[in-house]
């Protein structure tokens, strides 16, 4: 478990641009070291804002996009191409404008896919896909992701792990179907905390006044069942990337400058 580091930016636009620059560096470093990189994307306004900033960054061409594995932390269980699906939004923000290897883009199943409307079967299939991609060096049922990004909801949810719901209590499975989510749509597929914690680095993104209370709760020692964001951490680094509004309720002592 890595203790959280906080980086606070003036506004959400600057946060997105700085996070995109940080991600480019991490991907390029991983590709230089191993030949490839592995990233888990998040949806929502902050996740999509980061992808849009990455699309606009001149340095994006430093990435060898053909040697990048992309996964998702969660997905709305809707038909393929639905505008509310995270993968649809990611394609519009960035993915359609870069030269990815389609076999390395691991979208979560859609509700009109091979598993029909069975979110639990879709989750089990994604877990199998993760397990197949994990090597002996990963020491577990999922790859050791270089960076796993998560948006933080106003209720402290991350991915589709909502406070008190069964998914946030999962300790064995790496992917679960989520039913009765308090935020529409109610049916989703999500990585669990054990899968999230397999990442080298976990980045939590929060911008806006509506995220200030969630950041305060998650960083004040709350339990992960009541505040799922508190249970999201990486093996070597846990980074909270916030704008000033989201950090407005945090003690200034919590966020000394973090290294790049």
C-alpha atoms as a PDB file:
ATOM      1  CA  UNK A   1       0.000   0.000   0.000  1.00  0.00           C
ATOM      2  CA  UNK A   2       1.335   3.433  -0.944  1.00  0.00           C
ATOM      3  CA  UNK A   3       0.385   6.555   0.987  1.00  0.00           C
ATOM      4  CA  UNK A   4      -1.497   9.120  -1.117  1.00  0.00           C
ATOM      5  CA  UNK A   5       0.347  12.060  -2.645  1.00  0.00           C
ATOM      6  CA  UNK A   6      -1.647  15.130  -3.609  1.00  0.00           C
ATOM      7  CA  UNK A   7      -1.102  17.532  -6.487  1.00  0.00           C
ATOM      8  CA  UNK A   8      -3.457  20.510  -6.644  1.00  0.00           C
ATOM      9  CA  UNK A   9      -3.852  22.624  -9.779  1.00  0.00           C
ATOM     10  CA  UNK A  10      -5.504  26.009 -10.213  1.00  0.00           C
ATOM     11  CA  UNK A  11      -8.445  24.771 -12.274  1.00  0.00           C
ATOM     12  CA  UNK A  12      -9.757  21.681 -14.040  1.00  0.00           C
ATOM     13  CA  UNK A  13      -8.298  22.669 -17.426  1.00  0.00           C
ATOM     14  CA  UNK A  14      -4.792  22.982 -16.024  1.00  0.00           C
ATOM     15  CA  UNK A  15      -5.288  19.762 -14.069  1.00  0.00           C
ATOM     16  CA  UNK A  16      -6.233  17.899 -17.253  1.00  0.00           C
ATOM     17  CA  UNK A  17      -3.272  19.295 -19.182  1.00  0.00           C
ATOM     18  CA  UNK A  18      -0.787  18.504 -16.405  1.00  0.00           C
ATOM     19  CA  UNK A  19      -2.200  15.011 -15.913  1.00  0.00           C
ATOM     20  CA  UNK A  20      -1.947  14.354 -19.657  1.00  0.00           C
ATOM     21  CA  UNK A  21       1.697  15.443 -19.648  1.00  0.00           C
ATOM     22  CA  UNK A  22       2.347  13.228 -16.644  1.00  0.00           C
ATOM     23  CA  UNK A  23       0.708  10.271 -18.376  1.00  0.00           C
ATOM     24  CA  UNK A  24       2.754  10.729 -21.540  1.00  0.00           C
ATOM     25  CA  UNK A  25       5.919  10.600 -19.429  1.00  0.00           C
ATOM     26  CA  UNK A  26       4.836   7.444 -17.614  1.00  0.00           C
ATOM     27  CA  UNK A  27       3.908   5.653 -20.844  1.00  0.00           C
ATOM     28  CA  UNK A  28       7.117   6.632 -22.632  1.00  0.00           C
ATOM     29  CA  UNK A  29       9.226   5.563 -19.641  1.00  0.00           C
ATOM     30  CA  UNK A  30       7.483   2.178 -19.453  1.00  0.00           C
ATOM     31  CA  UNK A  31       7.871   1.600 -23.179  1.00  0.00           C
ATOM     32  CA  UNK A  32      11.561   2.470 -22.978  1.00  0.00           C
ATOM     33  CA  UNK A  33      12.041   0.045 -20.093  1.00  0.00           C
ATOM     34  CA  UNK A  34       9.925  -2.910 -21.282  1.00  0.00           C
ATOM     35  CA  UNK A  35       8.831  -2.232 -24.833  1.00  0.00           C
ATOM     36  CA  UNK A  36       5.167  -1.690 -23.943  1.00  0.00           C
ATOM     37  CA  UNK A  37       2.928   0.049 -21.428  1.00  0.00           C
ATOM     38  CA  UNK A  38      -0.406  -0.776 -19.816  1.00  0.00           C
ATOM     39  CA  UNK A  39      -2.978   1.838 -18.784  1.00  0.00           C
ATOM     40  CA  UNK A  40      -6.469   1.596 -17.306  1.00  0.00           C
ATOM     41  CA  UNK A  41      -8.798   4.393 -18.432  1.00  0.00           C
ATOM     42  CA  UNK A  42     -11.650   6.002 -16.543  1.00  0.00           C
ATOM     43  CA  UNK A  43     -14.758   7.719 -17.818  1.00  0.00           C
ATOM     44  CA  UNK A  44     -16.609  10.750 -16.499  1.00  0.00           C
ATOM     45  CA  UNK A  45     -15.877  14.394 -17.056  1.00  0.00           C
ATOM     46  CA  UNK A  46     -12.400  14.311 -15.543  1.00  0.00           C
ATOM     47  CA  UNK A  47     -11.296  11.139 -17.299  1.00  0.00           C
ATOM     48  CA  UNK A  48     -12.570  12.395 -20.648  1.00  0.00           C
ATOM     49  CA  UNK A  49     -11.058  15.819 -20.000  1.00  0.00           C
ATOM     50  CA  UNK A  50      -7.660  14.211 -19.533  1.00  0.00           C
ATOM     51  CA  UNK A  51      -8.033  12.239 -22.774  1.00  0.00           C
ATOM     52  CA  UNK A  52      -9.024  15.368 -24.680  1.00  0.00           C
ATOM     53  CA  UNK A  53      -5.992  17.182 -23.260  1.00  0.00           C
ATOM     54  CA  UNK A  54      -3.801  14.250 -24.290  1.00  0.00           C
ATOM     55  CA  UNK A  55      -5.231  14.383 -27.819  1.00  0.00           C
ATOM     56  CA  UNK A  56      -4.286  18.076 -28.022  1.00  0.00           C
ATOM     57  CA  UNK A  57      -0.790  17.678 -26.546  1.00  0.00           C
ATOM     58  CA  UNK A  58       2.039  17.916 -29.113  1.00  0.00           C
ATOM     59  CA  UNK A  59       4.059  15.464 -27.002  1.00  0.00           C
ATOM     60  CA  UNK A  60       1.494  12.721 -27.569  1.00  0.00           C
ATOM     61  CA  UNK A  61       3.551  11.634 -30.577  1.00  0.00           C
ATOM     62  CA  UNK A  62       6.307  10.532 -28.201  1.00  0.00           C
ATOM     63  CA  UNK A  63       4.097   7.538 -27.360  1.00  0.00           C
ATOM     64  CA  UNK A  64       4.288   4.426 -29.508  1.00  0.00           C
ATOM     65  CA  UNK A  65       0.527   3.895 -29.563  1.00  0.00           C
ATOM     66  CA  UNK A  66       0.881   0.470 -31.183  1.00  0.00           C
ATOM     67  CA  UNK A  67       2.636  -0.798 -28.052  1.00  0.00           C
ATOM     68  CA  UNK A  68       0.070   0.460 -25.549  1.00  0.00           C
ATOM     69  CA  UNK A  69      -2.413  -1.858 -23.817  1.00  0.00           C
ATOM     70  CA  UNK A  70      -5.646  -0.120 -22.803  1.00  0.00           C
ATOM     71  CA  UNK A  71      -8.130  -1.435 -20.247  1.00  0.00           C
ATOM     72  CA  UNK A  72     -11.116   0.114 -18.485  1.00  0.00           C
ATOM     73  CA  UNK A  73     -11.858   0.428 -14.781  1.00  0.00           C
ATOM     74  CA  UNK A  74     -15.590   0.157 -15.342  1.00  0.00           C
ATOM     75  CA  UNK A  75     -18.267   0.410 -17.977  1.00  0.00           C
ATOM     76  CA  UNK A  76     -21.915   1.264 -18.233  1.00  0.00           C
ATOM     77  CA  UNK A  77     -23.633  -1.947 -19.360  1.00  0.00           C
ATOM     78  CA  UNK A  78     -25.285  -0.534 -22.459  1.00  0.00           C
ATOM     79  CA  UNK A  79     -25.367  -1.463 -26.165  1.00  0.00           C
ATOM     80  CA  UNK A  80     -22.236  -1.130 -28.298  1.00  0.00           C
ATOM     81  CA  UNK A  81     -21.799   2.452 -29.504  1.00  0.00           C
ATOM     82  CA  UNK A  82     -24.127   3.951 -26.897  1.00  0.00           C
ATOM     83  CA  UNK A  83     -22.949   7.529 -26.254  1.00  0.00           C
ATOM     84  CA  UNK A  84     -22.999   6.890 -22.504  1.00  0.00           C
ATOM     85  CA  UNK A  85     -20.485   4.054 -22.689  1.00  0.00           C
ATOM     86  CA  UNK A  86     -17.011   4.966 -21.452  1.00  0.00           C
ATOM     87  CA  UNK A  87     -15.340   3.368 -24.463  1.00  0.00           C
ATOM     88  CA  UNK A  88     -17.531   5.394 -26.862  1.00  0.00           C
ATOM     89  CA  UNK A  89     -16.544   8.613 -25.123  1.00  0.00           C
ATOM     90  CA  UNK A  90     -12.865   7.615 -25.019  1.00  0.00           C
ATOM     91  CA  UNK A  91     -12.868   6.931 -28.743  1.00  0.00           C
ATOM     92  CA  UNK A  92     -14.329  10.368 -29.445  1.00  0.00           C
ATOM     93  CA  UNK A  93     -11.927  12.139 -27.080  1.00  0.00           C
ATOM     94  CA  UNK A  94      -8.711  10.413 -28.156  1.00  0.00           C
ATOM     95  CA  UNK A  95      -8.625   6.831 -29.322  1.00  0.00           C
ATOM     96  CA  UNK A  96      -9.947   7.363 -32.855  1.00  0.00           C
ATOM     97  CA  UNK A  97      -7.187   9.898 -33.516  1.00  0.00           C
ATOM     98  CA  UNK A  98      -4.172   7.718 -32.656  1.00  0.00           C
ATOM     99  CA  UNK A  99      -2.703   4.560 -34.229  1.00  0.00           C
ATOM    100  CA  UNK A 100      -3.616   1.902 -31.664  1.00  0.00           C
ATOM    101  CA  UNK A 101      -3.330  -1.835 -32.154  1.00  0.00           C
ATOM    102  CA  UNK A 102      -6.999  -2.946 -31.975  1.00  0.00           C
ATOM    103  CA  UNK A 103      -5.995  -6.215 -30.305  1.00  0.00           C
ATOM    104  CA  UNK A 104      -4.554  -4.222 -27.405  1.00  0.00           C
ATOM    105  CA  UNK A 105      -7.713  -2.173 -26.762  1.00  0.00           C
ATOM    106  CA  UNK A 106      -9.670  -4.169 -24.191  1.00  0.00           C
ATOM    107  CA  UNK A 107     -13.167  -2.699 -24.023  1.00  0.00           C
ATOM    108  CA  UNK A 108     -15.595  -4.221 -21.555  1.00  0.00           C
ATOM    109  CA  UNK A 109     -18.494  -6.186 -23.114  1.00  0.00           C
ATOM    110  CA  UNK A 110     -21.652  -4.378 -24.202  1.00  0.00           C
ATOM    111  CA  UNK A 111     -25.200  -5.373 -23.288  1.00  0.00           C
ATOM    112  CA  UNK A 112     -25.879  -6.456 -26.871  1.00  0.00           C
ATOM    113  CA  UNK A 113     -22.681  -8.491 -27.080  1.00  0.00           C
ATOM    114  CA  UNK A 114     -22.077 -12.235 -26.708  1.00  0.00           C
ATOM    115  CA  UNK A 115     -23.278 -12.269 -23.094  1.00  0.00           C
ATOM    116  CA  UNK A 116     -26.552 -10.514 -23.796  1.00  0.00           C
ATOM    117  CA  UNK A 117     -27.916  -8.618 -20.828  1.00  0.00           C
ATOM    118  CA  UNK A 118     -26.038 -10.785 -18.299  1.00  0.00           C
ATOM    119  CA  UNK A 119     -23.661  -8.322 -16.642  1.00  0.00           C
ATOM    120  CA  UNK A 120     -22.248 -11.013 -14.365  1.00  0.00           C
ATOM    121  CA  UNK A 121     -21.257 -13.173 -17.345  1.00  0.00           C
ATOM    122  CA  UNK A 122     -19.727 -10.117 -19.035  1.00  0.00           C
ATOM    123  CA  UNK A 123     -17.729  -9.400 -15.876  1.00  0.00           C
ATOM    124  CA  UNK A 124     -16.498 -13.001 -15.683  1.00  0.00           C
ATOM    125  CA  UNK A 125     -15.387 -12.827 -19.326  1.00  0.00           C
ATOM    126  CA  UNK A 126     -13.442  -9.613 -18.700  1.00  0.00           C
ATOM    127  CA  UNK A 127     -11.800 -11.222 -15.685  1.00  0.00           C
ATOM    128  CA  UNK A 128     -10.710 -14.086 -17.933  1.00  0.00           C
ATOM    129  CA  UNK A 129      -9.299 -11.613 -20.462  1.00  0.00           C
ATOM    130  CA  UNK A 130      -7.294  -9.911 -17.724  1.00  0.00           C
ATOM    131  CA  UNK A 131      -6.020 -13.242 -16.420  1.00  0.00           C
ATOM    132  CA  UNK A 132      -4.925 -14.271 -19.915  1.00  0.00           C
ATOM    133  CA  UNK A 133      -2.922 -11.046 -20.246  1.00  0.00           C
ATOM    134  CA  UNK A 134      -1.174 -11.486 -16.893  1.00  0.00           C
ATOM    135  CA  UNK A 135       2.286 -13.024 -16.989  1.00  0.00           C
ATOM    136  CA  UNK A 136       4.332 -14.830 -14.315  1.00  0.00           C
ATOM    137  CA  UNK A 137       5.949 -11.530 -13.409  1.00  0.00           C
ATOM    138  CA  UNK A 138       2.562 -10.107 -12.421  1.00  0.00           C
ATOM    139  CA  UNK A 139       2.109 -12.542  -9.524  1.00  0.00           C
ATOM    140  CA  UNK A 140      -1.666 -12.392  -9.777  1.00  0.00           C
ATOM    141  CA  UNK A 141      -4.796 -12.648 -11.928  1.00  0.00           C
ATOM    142  CA  UNK A 142      -4.417  -9.248 -13.625  1.00  0.00           C
ATOM    143  CA  UNK A 143      -1.532  -7.468 -15.352  1.00  0.00           C
ATOM    144  CA  UNK A 144       0.522  -5.044 -13.284  1.00  0.00           C
ATOM    145  CA  UNK A 145      -0.862  -1.909 -14.918  1.00  0.00           C
ATOM    146  CA  UNK A 146       1.563   1.003 -15.222  1.00  0.00           C
ATOM    147  CA  UNK A 147      -1.145   3.573 -14.490  1.00  0.00           C
ATOM    148  CA  UNK A 148      -4.742   3.018 -13.435  1.00  0.00           C
ATOM    149  CA  UNK A 149      -6.898   6.147 -13.463  1.00  0.00           C
ATOM    150  CA  UNK A 150     -10.086   6.644 -11.489  1.00  0.00           C
ATOM    151  CA  UNK A 151     -12.538   9.493 -11.330  1.00  0.00           C
ATOM    152  CA  UNK A 152     -13.846  10.204  -7.838  1.00  0.00           C
ATOM    153  CA  UNK A 153     -17.596  10.667  -7.531  1.00  0.00           C
ATOM    154  CA  UNK A 154     -19.285  13.130  -5.151  1.00  0.00           C
ATOM    155  CA  UNK A 155     -20.282  10.120  -3.024  1.00  0.00           C
ATOM    156  CA  UNK A 156     -16.631   8.861  -3.017  1.00  0.00           C
ATOM    157  CA  UNK A 157     -17.321   6.082  -5.548  1.00  0.00           C
ATOM    158  CA  UNK A 158     -14.539   4.999  -7.882  1.00  0.00           C
ATOM    159  CA  UNK A 159     -15.026   2.894 -11.023  1.00  0.00           C
ATOM    160  CA  UNK A 160     -18.518   1.489 -10.305  1.00  0.00           C
ATOM    161  CA  UNK A 161     -17.751   0.692  -6.680  1.00  0.00           C
ATOM    162  CA  UNK A 162     -20.374   2.590  -4.708  1.00  0.00           C
ATOM    163  CA  UNK A 163     -20.463   3.000  -0.920  1.00  0.00           C
ATOM    164  CA  UNK A 164     -21.930   0.018   0.943  1.00  0.00           C
ATOM    165  CA  UNK A 165     -22.889  -1.930  -2.205  1.00  0.00           C
ATOM    166  CA  UNK A 166     -21.694  -5.546  -2.593  1.00  0.00           C
ATOM    167  CA  UNK A 167     -19.091  -4.758  -5.279  1.00  0.00           C
ATOM    168  CA  UNK A 168     -16.946  -2.675  -2.932  1.00  0.00           C
ATOM    169  CA  UNK A 169     -16.841  -5.579  -0.464  1.00  0.00           C
ATOM    170  CA  UNK A 170     -15.463  -8.044  -3.039  1.00  0.00           C
ATOM    171  CA  UNK A 171     -12.123  -9.534  -2.005  1.00  0.00           C
ATOM    172  CA  UNK A 172     -11.665 -12.429  -4.460  1.00  0.00           C
ATOM    173  CA  UNK A 173     -12.995 -11.618  -7.936  1.00  0.00           C
ATOM    174  CA  UNK A 174     -11.236  -9.026 -10.088  1.00  0.00           C
ATOM    175  CA  UNK A 175     -14.312  -7.930 -12.085  1.00  0.00           C
ATOM    176  CA  UNK A 176     -17.966  -7.925 -11.029  1.00  0.00           C
ATOM    177  CA  UNK A 177     -21.352  -7.033 -12.380  1.00  0.00           C
ATOM    178  CA  UNK A 178     -22.920  -4.124 -10.522  1.00  0.00           C
ATOM    179  CA  UNK A 179     -26.694  -4.050 -10.047  1.00  0.00           C
ATOM    180  CA  UNK A 180     -28.794  -1.258  -8.594  1.00  0.00           C
ATOM    181  CA  UNK A 181     -26.138   1.440  -8.845  1.00  0.00           C
ATOM    182  CA  UNK A 182     -27.429   4.727  -7.383  1.00  0.00           C
ATOM    183  CA  UNK A 183     -26.195   6.570 -10.466  1.00  0.00           C
ATOM    184  CA  UNK A 184     -27.753   5.701 -13.851  1.00  0.00           C
ATOM    185  CA  UNK A 185     -27.520   3.382 -15.573  1.00  0.00           C
ATOM    186  CA  UNK A 186     -28.055   0.964 -12.677  1.00  0.00           C
ATOM    187  CA  UNK A 187     -26.281  -1.989 -14.337  1.00  0.00           C
ATOM    188  CA  UNK A 188     -22.523  -1.807 -14.813  1.00  0.00           C
ATOM    189  CA  UNK A 189     -19.320  -3.841 -14.967  1.00  0.00           C
ATOM    190  CA  UNK A 190     -16.430  -2.852 -12.722  1.00  0.00           C
ATOM    191  CA  UNK A 191     -12.959  -3.778 -11.604  1.00  0.00           C
ATOM    192  CA  UNK A 192     -12.832  -4.520  -7.885  1.00  0.00           C
ATOM    193  CA  UNK A 193     -10.450  -3.099  -5.306  1.00  0.00           C
ATOM    194  CA  UNK A 194      -8.126  -6.150  -5.525  1.00  0.00           C
ATOM    195  CA  UNK A 195      -7.718  -5.557  -9.272  1.00  0.00           C
ATOM    196  CA  UNK A 196      -7.223  -1.812  -8.795  1.00  0.00           C
ATOM    197  CA  UNK A 197      -4.494  -2.414  -6.225  1.00  0.00           C
ATOM    198  CA  UNK A 198      -2.504  -4.492  -8.719  1.00  0.00           C
ATOM    199  CA  UNK A 199      -1.485  -1.299 -10.539  1.00  0.00           C
ATOM    200  CA  UNK A 200       1.939   0.223 -10.073  1.00  0.00           C
ATOM    201  CA  UNK A 201       0.360   3.663  -9.880  1.00  0.00           C
ATOM    202  CA  UNK A 202      -3.250   4.600  -9.127  1.00  0.00           C
ATOM    203  CA  UNK A 203      -4.291   8.146 -10.038  1.00  0.00           C
ATOM    204  CA  UNK A 204      -7.503   9.567  -8.590  1.00  0.00           C
ATOM    205  CA  UNK A 205      -8.933  12.541 -10.472  1.00  0.00           C
ATOM    206  CA  UNK A 206     -11.224  15.075  -8.821  1.00  0.00           C
ATOM    207  CA  UNK A 207     -12.193  18.526 -10.046  1.00  0.00           C
ATOM    208  CA  UNK A 208     -14.994  20.847  -9.037  1.00  0.00           C
ATOM    209  CA  UNK A 209     -16.666  21.959  -5.819  1.00  0.00           C
ATOM    210  CA  UNK A 210     -18.969  18.932  -5.907  1.00  0.00           C
ATOM    211  CA  UNK A 211     -15.926  16.700  -5.305  1.00  0.00           C
ATOM    212  CA  UNK A 212     -14.584  18.619  -2.298  1.00  0.00           C
ATOM    213  CA  UNK A 213     -16.489  16.671   0.339  1.00  0.00           C
ATOM    214  CA  UNK A 214     -15.601  13.344  -1.287  1.00  0.00           C
ATOM    215  CA  UNK A 215     -11.897  14.207  -1.279  1.00  0.00           C
ATOM    216  CA  UNK A 216     -12.089  15.301   2.348  1.00  0.00           C
ATOM    217  CA  UNK A 217     -13.818  12.080   3.423  1.00  0.00           C
ATOM    218  CA  UNK A 218     -11.592   9.739   1.438  1.00  0.00           C
ATOM    219  CA  UNK A 219      -8.390  11.386   2.659  1.00  0.00           C
ATOM    220  CA  UNK A 220      -9.418  11.648   6.303  1.00  0.00           C
ATOM    221  CA  UNK A 221      -9.088   7.989   7.195  1.00  0.00           C
ATOM    222  CA  UNK A 222     -12.543   6.761   6.180  1.00  0.00           C
ATOM    223  CA  UNK A 223     -13.051   3.057   5.555  1.00  0.00           C
ATOM    224  CA  UNK A 224     -13.277   1.754   2.004  1.00  0.00           C
ATOM    225  CA  UNK A 225     -16.778   0.279   2.420  1.00  0.00           C
ATOM    226  CA  UNK A 226     -18.179   3.712   3.284  1.00  0.00           C
ATOM    227  CA  UNK A 227     -15.746   5.608   1.014  1.00  0.00           C
ATOM    228  CA  UNK A 228     -14.481   3.408  -1.846  1.00  0.00           C
ATOM    229  CA  UNK A 229     -11.948   6.026  -2.964  1.00  0.00           C
ATOM    230  CA  UNK A 230     -10.137   5.491   0.332  1.00  0.00           C
ATOM    231  CA  UNK A 231      -9.452   1.888  -0.675  1.00  0.00           C
ATOM    232  CA  UNK A 232      -7.958   2.699  -4.085  1.00  0.00           C
ATOM    233  CA  UNK A 233      -4.173   2.686  -3.960  1.00  0.00           C
ATOM    234  CA  UNK A 234      -1.260   1.530  -6.084  1.00  0.00           C
ATOM    235  CA  UNK A 235       1.647  -0.755  -5.349  1.00  0.00           C
ATOM    236  CA  UNK A 236       4.267   1.957  -5.670  1.00  0.00           C
ATOM    237  CA  UNK A 237       2.297   5.211  -5.885  1.00  0.00           C
ATOM    238  CA  UNK A 238      -1.139   6.640  -5.172  1.00  0.00           C
ATOM    239  CA  UNK A 239      -1.630  10.069  -6.683  1.00  0.00           C
ATOM    240  CA  UNK A 240      -4.582  12.375  -6.121  1.00  0.00           C
ATOM    241  CA  UNK A 241      -4.821  14.955  -8.905  1.00  0.00           C
ATOM    242  CA  UNK A 242      -7.206  17.752  -7.936  1.00  0.00           C
ATOM    243  CA  UNK A 243      -8.133  21.266  -8.852  1.00  0.00           C
ATOM    244  CA  UNK A 244      -8.344  23.987  -6.215  1.00  0.00           C
ATOM    245  CA  UNK A 245     -12.111  23.635  -5.879  1.00  0.00           C
ATOM    246  CA  UNK A 246     -11.951  19.892  -5.154  1.00  0.00           C
ATOM    247  CA  UNK A 247      -9.125  20.473  -2.654  1.00  0.00           C
ATOM    248  CA  UNK A 248     -10.850  23.381  -0.917  1.00  0.00           C
ATOM    249  CA  UNK A 249     -11.776  21.376   2.216  1.00  0.00           C
ATOM    250  CA  UNK A 250      -8.387  19.706   2.645  1.00  0.00           C
ATOM    251  CA  UNK A 251      -5.757  20.948   5.096  1.00  0.00           C
ATOM    252  CA  UNK A 252      -2.941  22.588   3.152  1.00  0.00           C
ATOM    253  CA  UNK A 253      -0.433  20.384   4.988  1.00  0.00           C
ATOM    254  CA  UNK A 254      -1.830  17.378   3.123  1.00  0.00           C
ATOM    255  CA  UNK A 255      -0.419  18.412  -0.209  1.00  0.00           C
ATOM    256  CA  UNK A 256       3.239  19.351  -0.332  1.00  0.00           C
ATOM    257  CA  UNK A 257       4.662  19.397  -3.849  1.00  0.00           C
ATOM    258  CA  UNK A 258       4.823  15.906  -5.371  1.00  0.00           C
ATOM    259  CA  UNK A 259       7.594  14.772  -7.667  1.00  0.00           C
ATOM    260  CA  UNK A 260       6.741  14.643 -11.404  1.00  0.00           C
END
